[in-house]
Amino acid sequence: MIQTQHLSAVSVAITSDINQLSDSMVRRLHDDVQAGVGLDPALAQRRSERLAAALLSISRALSGSEEPDDKFLAEATLEARETAQAGVDLLELIHTYRVLQSATWDVLLDLTTTLIPDASQQLEIQKWVSQLQHRWHDVVVANVIDAYRSEQHRFFYKSEDHRLRNELRDFIAGRRTARPNTGYPFEGQHLSVVAWGNDPKGTIDLAATLINSEVPLVLESTGGAFLGWLAVKDGQNADAQVIEGDFPDGAHLALGSIDKGFSGFRRSHQRAWRAYKVGRLTGARITRYTDVALEAVFATNMQAVRDLVLQQLGPLLADPRKDILCDTLRAYFSAGCNAVAAAAALQVHERTVAYRLRSIEERLGISVAERHVELLVALRLYGLLKSIAETDIL
């Protein structure tokens, strides 16, 4: 006979430590699953959120609830549909659930061993929990497979622009050299954009109007985003014109570079997509690749970002004056490590800057001048984390 107090104790332990447990599982998922994670930040975020949601669902099941519930299944099937849209293989998606199952079992095994002192009771509880977990996993994966296959059929074979989408995907990936079957002027100059949020297609159309681009190429992408290519006239400062646009509330736009020809068509899109990765995380209204090229390199692995920031700036961020000290560092680096110029930019006395720099070096135990490259990167990434925190994504 299963003693419910032991199951309840495991359930409570999961719930009370959910953040640390899910962070550990995110690391494991990232280490074990590489394919597809760089395709769409919205998709990567859903994977991370799924881990915590799955643990909570199993925790509720241990307390006697019927799990997986409709809410979790709805979230899992939404992720499956977006994965299908991204062109990620179904087997790769299923593999993420195998990793989830293995990681979850490690958590359950550790908790039952820790919380149940009697060895025979441990074994009995572990057998019961294992059966529950397998039933949970089978139900979820069956729903995920159905949702993936249904969306794959709709998105790639039934939608109006499925043929053009497939041609463009192969063209951008370099698997196709022939010009895609559309009237867009591939030989000219391009500004690639990615829009999401409120009316993404309308947002791209508005951007095209702002720069007088008469033949924009617009396609549905993943995660509710739309892709766009805008024909740009020679010498036109198109990205600056777009930035000045009056877009509706809730609309978001990422801009690539202005490039020319077939290779430029690909390159501008790739840069717009990298900017999108950052913009999707920060919630910025407009994100330009040239402004976030560094952040885009790290955007697919936010745990690595946290680790780097903590390693480089950890003691500084524990200081109550962290904002002032970080601003001083930024100004110092922007001034070419010139304390006088930094003081002028901050509108403080140069002795104040010198004092702050000494305080920073004491806390970090390093020479700012010798580690300026690492510190500059860490400051940029710290700014990224702060922007993300303001959007409640992490």
Foldseek 3Di string as FASTA:
>chain_A
DADLVLLLQLLVVCVVCLVVLLVVLLVQLVVVAPPPLLQALVLVLLLSVLLSVVSNQLSVVSNPDDPPDPVSLVSLLLSLLLCLLSVHDLVSVVVSLVSSLVSSLVSSLVSLPVRPPDPVSSVVVSVVSNVVSVVRSVVSSVSSVVSNVVSNCCQQPNDPCNQQVVVVVCLLVVNDDDDRPDPDDQQAKKKKKKKAWPPQVVLVVQLLVQQVFDDKDWDQGGPRMIIIIGGHDPPDPSVVSSVPDDDDPGMAMFIFDIDGHSVNVSRRNVLNSLQNLLCVLLVDRYGYSVVCVLVSVCSSPVVVLVVLLCLQCVLLVVDPCNVVLLLLLVLCVVVVNDLCSSCVVVVHDSVVSVVSLVVRCVRRVDHCVVCVVSSVSSSVSVVSVVSNVVVVSD
